[in-house]
Amino acid sequence: MDEGPAGGGGPVVRAARVRVTGEPVRIGAPAPEGGGHEPKVRVVREGDLIQALDVTCTCGERILIRCEY
């Protein structure tokens, strides 16, 4: 997240902090050994518009990422 001047964090990742690469990136805790499980991502739509991404981690934690246009 954007750390801002005081490093307190915030809800927006600034473009200057984003790096695009062709390499996959693991987000969150490492996968359990022998599991080979992947996080699950569900797209939440309203008509043709994506409203959010519902991500469920292999550890069971869930986060809803809202998309604002």
Protein backbone atom coordinates (compact mmCIF):
# COMPACT_ATOMS: atom_id res chain seq x y z
CA MET A 1 0.00 0.00 0.00
CA ASP A 2 1.02 3.60 -0.31
CA GLU A 3 3.09 4.31 2.77
CA GLY A 4 2.80 8.08 2.57
CA PRO A 5 5.17 10.45 4.33
CA ALA A 6 4.62 8.94 7.78
CA GLY A 7 4.63 5.31 6.56
CA GLY A 8 1.11 4.80 7.87
CA GLY A 9 -0.24 3.07 4.76
CA GLY A 10 -3.37 3.84 2.84
CA PRO A 11 -5.97 2.28 0.55
CA VAL A 12 -4.30 3.23 -2.77
CA VAL A 13 -1.10 1.85 -4.34
CA ARG A 14 0.51 4.77 -6.16
CA ALA A 15 1.61 4.20 -9.78
CA ALA A 16 5.22 5.00 -8.86
CA ARG A 17 5.21 1.97 -6.51
CA VAL A 18 3.91 -0.47 -9.16
CA ARG A 19 6.32 -2.53 -11.26
CA VAL A 20 5.14 -4.61 -14.23
CA THR A 21 7.18 -7.73 -15.08
CA GLY A 22 6.63 -10.95 -16.98
CA GLU A 23 7.41 -12.99 -13.86
CA PRO A 24 4.68 -14.45 -11.63
CA VAL A 25 4.51 -13.00 -8.12
CA ARG A 26 3.27 -14.85 -5.04
CA ILE A 27 1.14 -12.71 -2.77
CA GLY A 28 0.69 -13.79 0.83
CA ALA A 29 2.11 -16.66 2.84
CA PRO A 30 4.00 -19.48 1.13
CA ALA A 31 1.90 -22.45 0.00
CA PRO A 32 1.80 -25.38 2.45
CA GLU A 33 4.41 -28.07 1.70
CA GLY A 34 3.15 -30.82 -0.56
CA GLY A 35 -0.03 -28.88 -1.16
CA GLY A 36 0.51 -27.27 -4.52
CA HIS A 37 -2.69 -25.32 -3.89
CA GLU A 38 -3.28 -21.95 -5.49
CA PRO A 39 -5.31 -19.01 -4.20
CA LYS A 40 -8.82 -18.71 -5.62
CA VAL A 41 -10.01 -15.52 -7.32
CA ARG A 42 -13.66 -14.83 -8.08
CA VAL A 43 -14.65 -11.89 -10.27
CA VAL A 44 -17.66 -9.97 -8.94
CA ARG A 45 -19.56 -8.36 -11.82
CA GLU A 46 -22.52 -6.09 -12.22
CA GLY A 47 -23.50 -6.53 -15.86
CA ASP A 48 -20.35 -6.07 -17.95
CA LEU A 49 -18.59 -4.06 -15.22
CA ILE A 50 -16.18 -5.73 -12.79
CA GLN A 51 -17.08 -4.48 -9.30
CA ALA A 52 -14.55 -6.45 -7.25
CA LEU A 53 -12.16 -9.37 -7.00
CA ASP A 54 -12.85 -11.83 -4.19
CA VAL A 55 -9.52 -13.52 -3.31
CA THR A 56 -9.29 -16.55 -1.01
CA CYS A 57 -5.76 -17.41 0.14
CA THR A 58 -4.54 -20.99 0.57
CA CYS A 59 -4.49 -20.29 4.33
CA GLY A 60 -8.22 -19.48 4.23
CA GLU A 61 -7.93 -15.70 4.58
CA ARG A 62 -10.26 -13.81 2.28
CA ILE A 63 -10.07 -10.29 0.90
CA LEU A 64 -12.40 -8.30 -1.34
CA ILE A 65 -10.65 -5.88 -3.70
CA ARG A 66 -13.13 -3.26 -4.93
CA CYS A 67 -12.61 -1.79 -8.39
CA GLU A 68 -13.38 1.89 -8.76
CA TYR A 69 -13.59 3.44 -12.21
